[in-house]
Amino acid sequence: MREPRPERPYGVDHSGGLTARAVGKTYKGRPVVRNVSVTLHRGEAVGLLGP
C-alpha cells in the first residue's frame, strides 16, 4: 500500500526543469531536425512527432 503524497501548493513551480538548445538530429545521413530549442518546467512533458 502506498503512502499518500504530500499536498502541493497551488500555482506553478518554475524551479528545476530542463533546457535543451540548438538540438539537431540526422537520420541515415540526412538532417531531419535542425536548431530546435525547448525549455520544460517541472511536471511538463513534450513530444515531437514526425513522418
C-alpha atoms as a PDB file:
ATOM      1  CA  MET A   1       0.000   0.000   0.000  1.00  0.00           C
ATOM      2  CA  ARG A   2       1.326   3.423  -0.943  1.00  0.00           C
ATOM      3  CA  GLU A   3       1.698   6.308   1.421  1.00  0.00           C
ATOM      4  CA  PRO A   4      -0.269   9.410   0.413  1.00  0.00           C
ATOM      5  CA  ARG A   5       1.653  12.167  -1.345  1.00  0.00           C
ATOM      6  CA  PRO A   6       2.004  15.479   0.442  1.00  0.00           C
ATOM      7  CA  GLU A   7      -0.328  18.155  -0.887  1.00  0.00           C
ATOM      8  CA  ARG A   8       1.194  20.604  -3.339  1.00  0.00           C
ATOM      9  CA  PRO A   9       0.530  24.315  -3.133  1.00  0.00           C
ATOM     10  CA  TYR A  10      -1.439  25.873  -5.969  1.00  0.00           C
ATOM     11  CA  GLY A  11       0.452  27.698  -8.699  1.00  0.00           C
ATOM     12  CA  VAL A  12       3.354  26.815 -10.913  1.00  0.00           C
ATOM     13  CA  ASP A  13       6.749  25.933  -9.538  1.00  0.00           C
ATOM     14  CA  HIS A  14       9.371  27.026 -12.070  1.00  0.00           C
ATOM     15  CA  SER A  15      12.307  25.752 -10.047  1.00  0.00           C
ATOM     16  CA  GLY A  16      14.098  22.866 -11.644  1.00  0.00           C
ATOM     17  CA  GLY A  17      13.416  21.622 -15.127  1.00  0.00           C
ATOM     18  CA  LEU A  18      15.237  21.000 -18.360  1.00  0.00           C
ATOM     19  CA  THR A  19      16.521  23.236 -21.156  1.00  0.00           C
ATOM     20  CA  ALA A  20      17.880  21.986 -24.481  1.00  0.00           C
ATOM     21  CA  ARG A  21      19.233  24.477 -27.023  1.00  0.00           C
ATOM     22  CA  ALA A  22      20.094  24.156 -30.713  1.00  0.00           C
ATOM     23  CA  VAL A  23      19.430  20.395 -30.872  1.00  0.00           C
ATOM     24  CA  GLY A  24      19.766  18.599 -34.185  1.00  0.00           C
ATOM     25  CA  LYS A  25      19.297  15.051 -35.460  1.00  0.00           C
ATOM     26  CA  THR A  26      20.246  13.230 -38.633  1.00  0.00           C
ATOM     27  CA  TYR A  27      18.699  10.048 -39.993  1.00  0.00           C
ATOM     28  CA  LYS A  28      20.678   7.976 -42.485  1.00  0.00           C
ATOM     29  CA  GLY A  29      22.971  10.954 -43.033  1.00  0.00           C
ATOM     30  CA  ARG A  30      20.101  13.344 -43.734  1.00  0.00           C
ATOM     31  CA  PRO A  31      19.291  16.231 -41.353  1.00  0.00           C
ATOM     32  CA  VAL A  32      15.740  15.795 -40.045  1.00  0.00           C
ATOM     33  CA  VAL A  33      15.721  18.237 -37.109  1.00  0.00           C
ATOM     34  CA  ARG A  34      17.733  21.448 -37.029  1.00  0.00           C
ATOM     35  CA  ASN A  35      18.316  24.033 -34.323  1.00  0.00           C
ATOM     36  CA  VAL A  36      15.404  23.113 -32.024  1.00  0.00           C
ATOM     37  CA  SER A  37      15.327  24.626 -28.532  1.00  0.00           C
ATOM     38  CA  VAL A  38      12.904  23.804 -25.716  1.00  0.00           C
ATOM     39  CA  THR A  39      12.514  24.553 -22.020  1.00  0.00           C
ATOM     40  CA  LEU A  40      10.443  22.268 -19.806  1.00  0.00           C
ATOM     41  CA  HIS A  41       9.337  23.168 -16.319  1.00  0.00           C
ATOM     42  CA  ARG A  42       8.750  20.630 -13.580  1.00  0.00           C
ATOM     43  CA  GLY A  43       5.730  18.465 -14.405  1.00  0.00           C
ATOM     44  CA  GLU A  44       5.638  19.311 -18.137  1.00  0.00           C
ATOM     45  CA  ALA A  45       6.014  16.751 -20.907  1.00  0.00           C
ATOM     46  CA  VAL A  46       6.542  17.381 -24.629  1.00  0.00           C
ATOM     47  CA  GLY A  47       6.644  15.010 -27.577  1.00  0.00           C
ATOM     48  CA  LEU A  48       7.996  15.518 -31.085  1.00  0.00           C
ATOM     49  CA  LEU A  49       6.282  13.551 -33.839  1.00  0.00           C
ATOM     50  CA  GLY A  50       7.256  13.341 -37.459  1.00  0.00           C
ATOM     51  CA  PRO A  51       6.846  11.261 -40.560  1.00  0.00           C
END
